[in-house]
C-alpha atoms as a PDB file:
ATOM      1  CA  MET A   1     105.255  -4.901-141.947  1.00  0.00           C
ATOM      2  CA  ASN A   2     104.435  -8.372-140.261  1.00  0.00           C
ATOM      3  CA  THR A   3     102.870 -11.128-142.341  1.00  0.00           C
ATOM      4  CA  ALA A   4      99.454 -11.943-140.857  1.00  0.00           C
ATOM      5  CA  ALA A   5     100.738 -15.631-139.938  1.00  0.00           C
ATOM      6  CA  GLN A   6     103.959 -14.029-138.067  1.00  0.00           C
ATOM      7  CA  LYS A   7     100.983 -11.528-136.241  1.00  0.00           C
ATOM      8  CA  ALA A   8      98.781 -14.766-135.472  1.00  0.00           C
ATOM      9  CA  GLU A   9     102.137 -16.381-134.032  1.00  0.00           C
ATOM     10  CA  THR A  10     102.553 -13.268-131.786  1.00  0.00           C
ATOM     11  CA  PHE A  11      99.194 -13.248-130.700  1.00  0.00           C
ATOM     12  CA  ARG A  12      99.586 -16.719-129.492  1.00  0.00           C
ATOM     13  CA  ALA A  13     102.566 -16.766-127.940  1.00  0.00           C
ATOM     14  CA  LEU A  14     101.009 -13.490-125.795  1.00  0.00           C
ATOM     15  CA  HIS A  15      98.581 -16.410-124.473  1.00  0.00           C
ATOM     16  CA  ALA A  16     101.104 -18.951-123.730  1.00  0.00           C
ATOM     17  CA  ALA A  17     103.399 -16.068-121.718  1.00  0.00           C
ATOM     18  CA  PRO A  18     103.436 -15.814-118.146  1.00  0.00           C
ATOM     19  CA  GLY A  19     100.909 -13.414-116.267  1.00  0.00           C
ATOM     20  CA  SER A  20      98.242 -11.589-118.260  1.00  0.00           C
ATOM     21  CA  PHE A  21      98.121  -9.256-120.838  1.00  0.00           C
ATOM     22  CA  VAL A  22      95.610  -5.977-121.895  1.00  0.00           C
ATOM     23  CA  ILE A  23      94.116  -6.351-125.607  1.00  0.00           C
ATOM     24  CA  ALA A  24      92.785  -2.887-126.386  1.00  0.00           C
ATOM     25  CA  ASN A  25      89.981  -2.435-128.504  1.00  0.00           C
ATOM     26  CA  ALA A  26      90.308   0.047-131.189  1.00  0.00           C
ATOM     27  CA  TRP A  27      87.412   1.744-133.371  1.00  0.00           C
ATOM     28  CA  ASP A  28      89.497   3.441-136.378  1.00  0.00           C
ATOM     29  CA  ALA A  29      92.930   3.364-137.595  1.00  0.00           C
ATOM     30  CA  GLY A  30      93.501   6.528-136.125  1.00  0.00           C
ATOM     31  CA  SER A  31      92.723   4.703-132.041  1.00  0.00           C
ATOM     32  CA  ALA A  32      94.743   2.034-133.619  1.00  0.00           C
ATOM     33  CA  LYS A  33      97.665   3.994-133.941  1.00  0.00           C
ATOM     34  CA  LEU A  34      97.468   5.645-130.829  1.00  0.00           C
ATOM     35  CA  LEU A  35      97.032   2.536-128.647  1.00  0.00           C
ATOM     36  CA  ARG A  36      99.732   1.246-130.450  1.00  0.00           C
ATOM     37  CA  GLY A  37     101.881   4.003-129.564  1.00  0.00           C
ATOM     38  CA  LEU A  38     100.964   3.344-125.833  1.00  0.00           C
ATOM     39  CA  GLY A  39     102.622   0.172-125.972  1.00  0.00           C
ATOM     40  CA  PHE A  40      99.639  -2.205-125.951  1.00  0.00           C
ATOM     41  CA  ALA A  41     101.046  -5.794-127.749  1.00  0.00           C
ATOM     42  CA  ALA A  42      97.828  -6.493-129.170  1.00  0.00           C
ATOM     43  CA  LEU A  43      94.522  -4.618-130.191  1.00  0.00           C
ATOM     44  CA  ALA A  44      90.964  -6.100-130.663  1.00  0.00           C
ATOM     45  CA  THR A  45      87.905  -4.864-132.229  1.00  0.00           C
ATOM     46  CA  SER A  46      84.109  -4.208-130.471  1.00  0.00           C
ATOM     47  CA  SER A  47      81.718  -4.764-131.899  1.00  0.00           C
ATOM     48  CA  GLY A  48      79.617  -1.833-130.438  1.00  0.00           C
ATOM     49  CA  ALA A  49      82.033   0.669-131.140  1.00  0.00           C
ATOM     50  CA  GLN A  50      82.432  -0.019-134.468  1.00  0.00           C
ATOM     51  CA  ALA A  51      78.622   0.248-134.790  1.00  0.00           C
ATOM     52  CA  ASN A  52      78.701   3.254-133.250  1.00  0.00           C
ATOM     53  CA  VAL A  53      81.261   4.958-135.436  1.00  0.00           C
ATOM     54  CA  LEU A  54      78.755   3.396-138.026  1.00  0.00           C
ATOM     55  CA  GLY A  55      75.925   5.423-136.896  1.00  0.00           C
ATOM     56  CA  THR A  56      73.746   2.376-135.583  1.00  0.00           C
ATOM     57  CA  VAL A  57      73.569  -0.115-132.773  1.00  0.00           C
ATOM     58  CA  ASP A  58      75.361  -3.113-132.004  1.00  0.00           C
ATOM     59  CA  GLY A  59      73.512  -6.062-133.527  1.00  0.00           C
ATOM     60  CA  ALA A  60      72.738  -3.875-137.103  1.00  0.00           C
ATOM     61  CA  VAL A  61      76.465  -4.337-138.475  1.00  0.00           C
ATOM     62  CA  THR A  62      76.507  -6.700-141.916  1.00  0.00           C
ATOM     63  CA  ARG A  63      79.508  -9.240-142.082  1.00  0.00           C
ATOM     64  CA  ASP A  64      80.790  -6.980-144.711  1.00  0.00           C
ATOM     65  CA  GLU A  65      81.085  -3.974-142.722  1.00  0.00           C
ATOM     66  CA  ALA A  66      82.544  -5.745-139.923  1.00  0.00           C
ATOM     67  CA  LEU A  67      85.082  -7.491-142.071  1.00  0.00           C
ATOM     68  CA  THR A  68      85.711  -3.971-144.052  1.00  0.00           C
ATOM     69  CA  HIS A  69      85.823  -2.030-140.504  1.00  0.00           C
ATOM     70  CA  ALA A  70      88.263  -4.529-139.024  1.00  0.00           C
ATOM     71  CA  LYS A  71      90.746  -4.545-142.128  1.00  0.00           C
ATOM     72  CA  GLY A  72      90.950  -0.923-141.862  1.00  0.00           C
ATOM     73  CA  ILE A  73      92.272  -1.416-138.714  1.00  0.00           C
ATOM     74  CA  VAL A  74      94.455  -4.153-139.367  1.00  0.00           C
ATOM     75  CA  ASP A  75      95.839  -2.230-141.982  1.00  0.00           C
ATOM     76  CA  ALA A  76      96.431   0.629-139.936  1.00  0.00           C
ATOM     77  CA  VAL A  77      99.252  -1.417-137.460  1.00  0.00           C
ATOM     78  CA  ASP A  78     101.784  -3.506-137.487  1.00  0.00           C
ATOM     79  CA  LEU A  79     100.035  -5.645-134.354  1.00  0.00           C
ATOM     80  CA  PRO A  80      98.070  -8.863-133.906  1.00  0.00           C
ATOM     81  CA  VAL A  81      94.571  -8.117-133.834  1.00  0.00           C
ATOM     82  CA  SER A  82      91.305  -9.815-133.245  1.00  0.00           C
ATOM     83  CA  ALA A  83      87.903  -9.453-133.905  1.00  0.00           C
ATOM     84  CA  ASP A  84      84.357  -9.089-131.960  1.00  0.00           C
ATOM     85  CA  LEU A  85      82.547 -11.165-134.645  1.00  0.00           C
ATOM     86  CA  GLU A  86      79.294 -11.102-132.696  1.00  0.00           C
ATOM     87  CA  LYS A  87      77.183 -14.529-133.608  1.00  0.00           C
ATOM     88  CA  CYS A  88      79.394 -14.575-137.142  1.00  0.00           C
ATOM     89  CA  PHE A  89      76.606 -13.373-138.631  1.00  0.00           C
ATOM     90  CA  ALA A  90      75.096 -16.238-138.957  1.00  0.00           C
ATOM     91  CA  ASP A  91      73.121 -19.170-137.403  1.00  0.00           C
ATOM     92  CA  ARG A  92      73.965 -22.481-139.316  1.00  0.00           C
ATOM     93  CA  PRO A  93      77.157 -23.697-138.497  1.00  0.00           C
ATOM     94  CA  ASP A  94      79.167 -24.041-142.060  1.00  0.00           C
ATOM     95  CA  GLU A  95      78.184 -20.034-142.235  1.00  0.00           C
ATOM     96  CA  ALA A  96      79.724 -19.697-139.195  1.00  0.00           C
ATOM     97  CA  ALA A  97      82.772 -21.098-140.440  1.00  0.00           C
ATOM     98  CA  GLN A  98      82.724 -19.409-143.243  1.00  0.00           C
ATOM     99  CA  THR A  99      83.027 -15.787-141.692  1.00  0.00           C
ATOM    100  CA  ILE A 100      86.305 -17.227-139.551  1.00  0.00           C
ATOM    101  CA  ALA A 101      87.948 -17.773-142.888  1.00  0.00           C
ATOM    102  CA  MET A 102      86.783 -14.601-144.442  1.00  0.00           C
ATOM    103  CA  ALA A 103      88.522 -12.862-141.115  1.00  0.00           C
ATOM    104  CA  ALA A 104      91.726 -14.913-141.531  1.00  0.00           C
ATOM    105  CA  GLU A 105      91.918 -13.482-145.178  1.00  0.00           C
ATOM    106  CA  ILE A 106      91.775  -9.896-144.618  1.00  0.00           C
ATOM    107  CA  GLY A 107      94.767 -11.034-142.223  1.00  0.00           C
ATOM    108  CA  LEU A 108      93.327 -10.754-138.909  1.00  0.00           C
ATOM    109  CA  ALA A 109      95.192 -13.136-135.951  1.00  0.00           C
ATOM    110  CA  GLY A 110      92.308 -14.060-134.270  1.00  0.00           C
ATOM    111  CA  ALA A 111      88.767 -13.702-134.043  1.00  0.00           C
ATOM    112  CA  SER A 112      85.604 -14.198-131.485  1.00  0.00           C
ATOM    113  CA  ILE A 113      81.930 -16.584-131.957  1.00  0.00           C
ATOM    114  CA  GLU A 114      79.397 -16.244-129.411  1.00  0.00           C
ATOM    115  CA  ASP A 115      76.077 -17.870-128.675  1.00  0.00           C
ATOM    116  CA  ALA A 116      74.022 -15.186-128.507  1.00  0.00           C
ATOM    117  CA  THR A 117      71.280 -15.589-131.358  1.00  0.00           C
ATOM    118  CA  GLY A 118      69.951 -12.112-131.390  1.00  0.00           C
ATOM    119  CA  ASP A 119      65.949 -13.052-131.083  1.00  0.00           C
ATOM    120  CA  PRO A 120      65.323 -11.357-127.526  1.00  0.00           C
ATOM    121  CA  ALA A 121      62.705 -14.526-127.258  1.00  0.00           C
ATOM    122  CA  LYS A 122      65.491 -17.122-127.481  1.00  0.00           C
ATOM    123  CA  PRO A 123      68.611 -15.077-126.688  1.00  0.00           C
ATOM    124  CA  LEU A 124      70.783 -17.928-126.448  1.00  0.00           C
ATOM    125  CA  TYR A 125      71.539 -21.230-128.620  1.00  0.00           C
ATOM    126  CA  ASP A 126      70.951 -24.503-127.097  1.00  0.00           C
ATOM    127  CA  ALA A 127      74.223 -25.361-125.710  1.00  0.00           C
ATOM    128  CA  GLU A 128      74.730 -28.614-128.291  1.00  0.00           C
ATOM    129  CA  PHE A 129      74.090 -26.550-131.093  1.00  0.00           C
ATOM    130  CA  ALA A 130      76.588 -23.793-129.843  1.00  0.00           C
ATOM    131  CA  ALA A 131      79.355 -26.259-129.050  1.00  0.00           C
ATOM    132  CA  GLU A 132      78.681 -27.433-132.742  1.00  0.00           C
ATOM    133  CA  ARG A 133      78.996 -23.608-134.327  1.00  0.00           C
ATOM    134  CA  VAL A 134      82.187 -23.445-131.906  1.00  0.00           C
ATOM    135  CA  GLY A 135      83.441 -26.588-133.439  1.00  0.00           C
ATOM    136  CA  ALA A 136      82.745 -25.572-137.240  1.00  0.00           C
ATOM    137  CA  ALA A 137      84.431 -22.358-136.111  1.00  0.00           C
ATOM    138  CA  ALA A 138      87.664 -24.201-134.647  1.00  0.00           C
ATOM    139  CA  ALA A 139      88.027 -26.464-137.878  1.00  0.00           C
ATOM    140  CA  ALA A 140      87.975 -23.252-140.296  1.00  0.00           C
ATOM    141  CA  ALA A 141      90.723 -21.710-138.086  1.00  0.00           C
ATOM    142  CA  ARG A 142      92.691 -24.709-138.174  1.00  0.00           C
ATOM    143  CA  LYS A 143      92.792 -24.684-142.464  1.00  0.00           C
ATOM    144  CA  VAL A 144      94.018 -20.721-142.737  1.00  0.00           C
ATOM    145  CA  GLY A 145      97.589 -22.054-142.521  1.00  0.00           C
ATOM    146  CA  PHE A 146      98.432 -20.372-139.744  1.00  0.00           C
ATOM    147  CA  PRO A 147      97.885 -20.247-135.767  1.00  0.00           C
ATOM    148  CA  PHE A 148      94.421 -18.563-136.032  1.00  0.00           C
ATOM    149  CA  VAL A 149      93.014 -18.167-132.543  1.00  0.00           C
ATOM    150  CA  LEU A 150      90.059 -18.145-131.856  1.00  0.00           C
ATOM    151  CA  THR A 151      87.923 -17.285-128.569  1.00  0.00           C
ATOM    152  CA  ALA A 152      84.570 -18.817-127.867  1.00  0.00           C
ATOM    153  CA  ARG A 153      81.880 -16.744-125.468  1.00  0.00           C
ATOM    154  CA  THR A 154      79.057 -17.727-123.746  1.00  0.00           C
ATOM    155  CA  GLU A 155      76.960 -14.220-123.677  1.00  0.00           C
ATOM    156  CA  SER A 156      74.766 -15.951-120.760  1.00  0.00           C
ATOM    157  CA  PHE A 157      75.732 -13.220-118.182  1.00  0.00           C
ATOM    158  CA  LEU A 158      74.517 -10.382-120.354  1.00  0.00           C
ATOM    159  CA  ARG A 159      71.521 -12.221-121.675  1.00  0.00           C
ATOM    160  CA  GLY A 160      69.761 -12.786-118.293  1.00  0.00           C
ATOM    161  CA  THR A 161      71.087 -16.287-117.840  1.00  0.00           C
ATOM    162  CA  THR A 162      73.223 -16.056-114.680  1.00  0.00           C
ATOM    163  CA  ASP A 163      73.495 -19.981-113.385  1.00  0.00           C
ATOM    164  CA  LEU A 164      77.545 -20.015-113.337  1.00  0.00           C
ATOM    165  CA  ALA A 165      77.256 -24.250-113.338  1.00  0.00           C
ATOM    166  CA  ASP A 166      75.751 -23.666-117.023  1.00  0.00           C
ATOM    167  CA  VAL A 167      78.228 -20.843-118.165  1.00  0.00           C
ATOM    168  CA  ILE A 168      81.006 -23.333-116.962  1.00  0.00           C
ATOM    169  CA  ARG A 169      79.329 -26.130-118.920  1.00  0.00           C
ATOM    170  CA  ARG A 170      78.973 -24.381-122.063  1.00  0.00           C
ATOM    171  CA  LEU A 171      82.485 -23.038-121.692  1.00  0.00           C
ATOM    172  CA  ARG A 172      84.250 -26.523-121.046  1.00  0.00           C
ATOM    173  CA  ALA A 173      81.759 -27.611-124.174  1.00  0.00           C
ATOM    174  CA  PHE A 174      83.856 -25.187-126.309  1.00  0.00           C
ATOM    175  CA  GLU A 175      86.578 -25.879-125.089  1.00  0.00           C
ATOM    176  CA  ALA A 176      86.355 -29.715-126.047  1.00  0.00           C
ATOM    177  CA  ALA A 177      85.115 -28.231-129.706  1.00  0.00           C
ATOM    178  CA  GLY A 178      88.306 -26.591-130.267  1.00  0.00           C
ATOM    179  CA  ALA A 179      88.068 -22.959-128.456  1.00  0.00           C
ATOM    180  CA  ASP A 180      91.761 -21.233-128.397  1.00  0.00           C
ATOM    181  CA  VAL A 181      90.287 -18.707-125.756  1.00  0.00           C
ATOM    182  CA  LEU A 182      87.516 -18.687-123.697  1.00  0.00           C
ATOM    183  CA  MET A 183      85.381 -15.845-122.648  1.00  0.00           C
ATOM    184  CA  ALA A 184      81.735 -15.198-120.512  1.00  0.00           C
ATOM    185  CA  PRO A 185      81.261 -11.578-120.436  1.00  0.00           C
ATOM    186  CA  GLY A 186      79.447 -10.387-117.476  1.00  0.00           C
ATOM    187  CA  LEU A 187      80.514 -12.294-114.842  1.00  0.00           C
ATOM    188  CA  PRO A 188      79.459 -10.601-111.543  1.00  0.00           C
ATOM    189  CA  ASP A 189      82.769 -10.871-109.212  1.00  0.00           C
ATOM    190  CA  LEU A 190      86.328 -12.003-108.541  1.00  0.00           C
ATOM    191  CA  ASP A 191      84.564 -15.457-107.308  1.00  0.00           C
ATOM    192  CA  ALA A 192      83.014 -16.095-109.990  1.00  0.00           C
ATOM    193  CA  VAL A 193      85.833 -15.190-112.655  1.00  0.00           C
ATOM    194  CA  ARG A 194      88.569 -17.537-110.502  1.00  0.00           C
ATOM    195  CA  ALA A 195      85.851 -20.617-110.824  1.00  0.00           C
ATOM    196  CA  VAL A 196      85.460 -20.151-114.554  1.00  0.00           C
ATOM    197  CA  CYS A 197      89.655 -19.838-115.024  1.00  0.00           C
ATOM    198  CA  ALA A 198      89.625 -23.056-112.833  1.00  0.00           C
ATOM    199  CA  ALA A 199      87.319 -24.995-114.739  1.00  0.00           C
ATOM    200  CA  VAL A 200      88.915 -24.834-117.657  1.00  0.00           C
ATOM    201  CA  THR A 201      92.318 -25.428-119.433  1.00  0.00           C
ATOM    202  CA  LYS A 202      92.518 -22.939-122.124  1.00  0.00           C
ATOM    203  CA  PRO A 203      93.437 -19.352-121.748  1.00  0.00           C
ATOM    204  CA  VAL A 204      90.311 -17.255-119.998  1.00  0.00           C
ATOM    205  CA  ASN A 205      89.743 -13.584-121.622  1.00  0.00           C
ATOM    206  CA  PHE A 206      88.038 -11.380-118.925  1.00  0.00           C
ATOM    207  CA  MET A 207      85.802  -8.106-120.297  1.00  0.00           C
ATOM    208  CA  ALA A 208      86.296  -4.992-118.335  1.00  0.00           C
ATOM    209  CA  GLY A 209      83.760  -2.098-119.313  1.00  0.00           C
ATOM    210  CA  ILE A 210      80.975  -2.897-117.171  1.00  0.00           C
ATOM    211  CA  PRO A 211      80.911  -0.461-113.745  1.00  0.00           C
ATOM    212  CA  GLY A 212      81.043  -2.547-110.825  1.00  0.00           C
ATOM    213  CA  ARG A 213      82.449  -5.391-112.289  1.00  0.00           C
ATOM    214  CA  SER A 214      85.398  -4.401-114.210  1.00  0.00           C
ATOM    215  CA  PHE A 215      88.646  -5.251-111.786  1.00  0.00           C
ATOM    216  CA  THR A 216      92.241  -4.682-111.687  1.00  0.00           C
ATOM    217  CA  VAL A 217      94.099  -6.190-113.795  1.00  0.00           C
ATOM    218  CA  ALA A 218      96.294  -7.379-110.750  1.00  0.00           C
ATOM    219  CA  GLU A 219      93.376  -8.830-109.020  1.00  0.00           C
ATOM    220  CA  LEU A 220      92.099 -10.726-112.718  1.00  0.00           C
ATOM    221  CA  THR A 221      95.712 -12.216-112.875  1.00  0.00           C
ATOM    222  CA  GLY A 222      95.483 -13.251-109.547  1.00  0.00           C
ATOM    223  CA  VAL A 223      92.602 -15.560-110.012  1.00  0.00           C
ATOM    224  CA  GLY A 224      93.823 -17.124-113.195  1.00  0.00           C
ATOM    225  CA  VAL A 225      92.578 -14.438-115.986  1.00  0.00           C
ATOM    226  CA  LYS A 226      95.069 -14.437-119.294  1.00  0.00           C
ATOM    227  CA  ARG A 227      93.465 -11.752-121.506  1.00  0.00           C
ATOM    228  CA  ILE A 228      91.838  -8.806-120.467  1.00  0.00           C
ATOM    229  CA  SER A 229      89.853  -7.016-123.184  1.00  0.00           C
ATOM    230  CA  LEU A 230      88.192  -4.142-123.058  1.00  0.00           C
ATOM    231  CA  ALA A 231      85.256  -4.057-125.198  1.00  0.00           C
ATOM    232  CA  SER A 232      83.557  -0.523-126.397  1.00  0.00           C
ATOM    233  CA  SER A 233      84.884   1.427-122.957  1.00  0.00           C
ATOM    234  CA  LEU A 234      87.637   3.211-124.508  1.00  0.00           C
ATOM    235  CA  PHE A 235      85.377   4.527-127.369  1.00  0.00           C
ATOM    236  CA  ARG A 236      82.941   5.576-124.849  1.00  0.00           C
ATOM    237  CA  ALA A 237      85.376   7.509-122.624  1.00  0.00           C
ATOM    238  CA  ALA A 238      86.371   8.922-125.844  1.00  0.00           C
ATOM    239  CA  MET A 239      82.799   9.913-126.977  1.00  0.00           C
ATOM    240  CA  SER A 240      81.987  10.943-123.046  1.00  0.00           C
ATOM    241  CA  SER A 241      85.108  13.402-123.630  1.00  0.00           C
ATOM    242  CA  VAL A 242      83.599  14.697-127.030  1.00  0.00           C
ATOM    243  CA  MET A 243      79.927  15.519-124.532  1.00  0.00           C
ATOM    244  CA  THR A 244      81.548  16.873-122.376  1.00  0.00           C
ATOM    245  CA  ALA A 245      83.078  19.728-124.729  1.00  0.00           C
ATOM    246  CA  ALA A 246      80.322  20.040-126.923  1.00  0.00           C
ATOM    247  CA  THR A 247      78.374  20.737-124.296  1.00  0.00           C
ATOM    248  CA  GLU A 248      80.578  23.398-122.885  1.00  0.00           C
ATOM    249  CA  VAL A 249      80.633  25.370-126.441  1.00  0.00           C
ATOM    250  CA  ARG A 250      76.428  25.167-126.842  1.00  0.00           C
ATOM    251  CA  ASP A 251      75.778  25.930-122.860  1.00  0.00           C
ATOM    252  CA  ARG A 252      78.177  27.942-121.969  1.00  0.00           C
ATOM    253  CA  GLY A 253      79.919  29.624-125.460  1.00  0.00           C
ATOM    254  CA  THR A 254      83.336  28.639-123.393  1.00  0.00           C
ATOM    255  CA  PHE A 255      86.257  26.716-124.971  1.00  0.00           C
ATOM    256  CA  THR A 256      88.088  25.424-121.408  1.00  0.00           C
ATOM    257  CA  TYR A 257      88.510  21.764-122.568  1.00  0.00           C
ATOM    258  CA  LEU A 258      91.104  22.753-124.562  1.00  0.00           C
ATOM    259  CA  ASP A 259      93.192  23.479-121.462  1.00  0.00           C
ATOM    260  CA  HIS A 260      93.355  19.368-121.323  1.00  0.00           C
ATOM    261  CA  THR A 261      93.571  18.694-124.584  1.00  0.00           C
ATOM    262  CA  LEU A 262      97.086  17.377-126.245  1.00  0.00           C
ATOM    263  CA  PRO A 263      98.060  19.644-129.432  1.00  0.00           C
ATOM    264  CA  ALA A 264      97.198  18.321-132.943  1.00  0.00           C
ATOM    265  CA  SER A 265     101.183  17.955-133.635  1.00  0.00           C
ATOM    266  CA  GLU A 266     101.520  15.743-130.150  1.00  0.00           C
ATOM    267  CA  TRP A 267      98.692  13.528-132.008  1.00  0.00           C
ATOM    268  CA  ASN A 268     100.471  13.438-135.116  1.00  0.00           C
ATOM    269  CA  ARG A 269     103.439  11.716-133.546  1.00  0.00           C
ATOM    270  CA  PHE A 270     100.995   8.887-132.949  1.00  0.00           C
ATOM    271  CA  MET A 271      99.380   8.468-136.141  1.00  0.00           C
ATOM    272  CA  VAL A 272     103.406   8.717-138.226  1.00  0.00           C
ATOM    273  CA  ARG A 273     105.202   6.290-136.158  1.00  0.00           C
END
């Protein structure tokens, strides 16, 4: 197995290579092995998928639960894994930084910190304080002993703040604070994605998974995106298939879904690699 340092170096190299790459979001060890077998070079967790696996909703998972879940994926595959750590389970910059240090300790190659507060009355941290939190997280990442990749994301478009100029100001502040990758989920169109990519010098991650606002890899590469993540979309696709199959059995008493599933022997090939 590669060490955490080797995985982090591989992950950082993906961001420096020409073109773009897709980082696939796994939700457990089995899905991680499947995605590895399909040829993805790096994986990420999804806070939404993770929460659903644990039988709850996004935002209701504890730091210990999130890190335990992420470690199961890290240990399952010999690939770099980046964790979706929401707001790093803290408001204070020093406590957010501690989450990043803990993430590195379990072998993650990277992680994200976002500016969503979790408080509906005030969905986003003030811009200056949000940048301070990113700065503390970046300082912690630099101390881990290997090139841990910190992603800073503004949740503006997902929380009702659709001022692109403000989004760009936040991302520039996060870049100045030391983030390695920048992210603004929910951008409405390719022009907005292009504007974000042109406004910063660090790699930009685009989050696919929103109907109508998920563009092709070629389109995203063309406007300057470096990394494309899939959020909880693969998990939702898998569970949608489960729902369709189970509904057929419940309502019709038939099993035609079996005609479209791989036999266990085929699935097992992915698990033992």
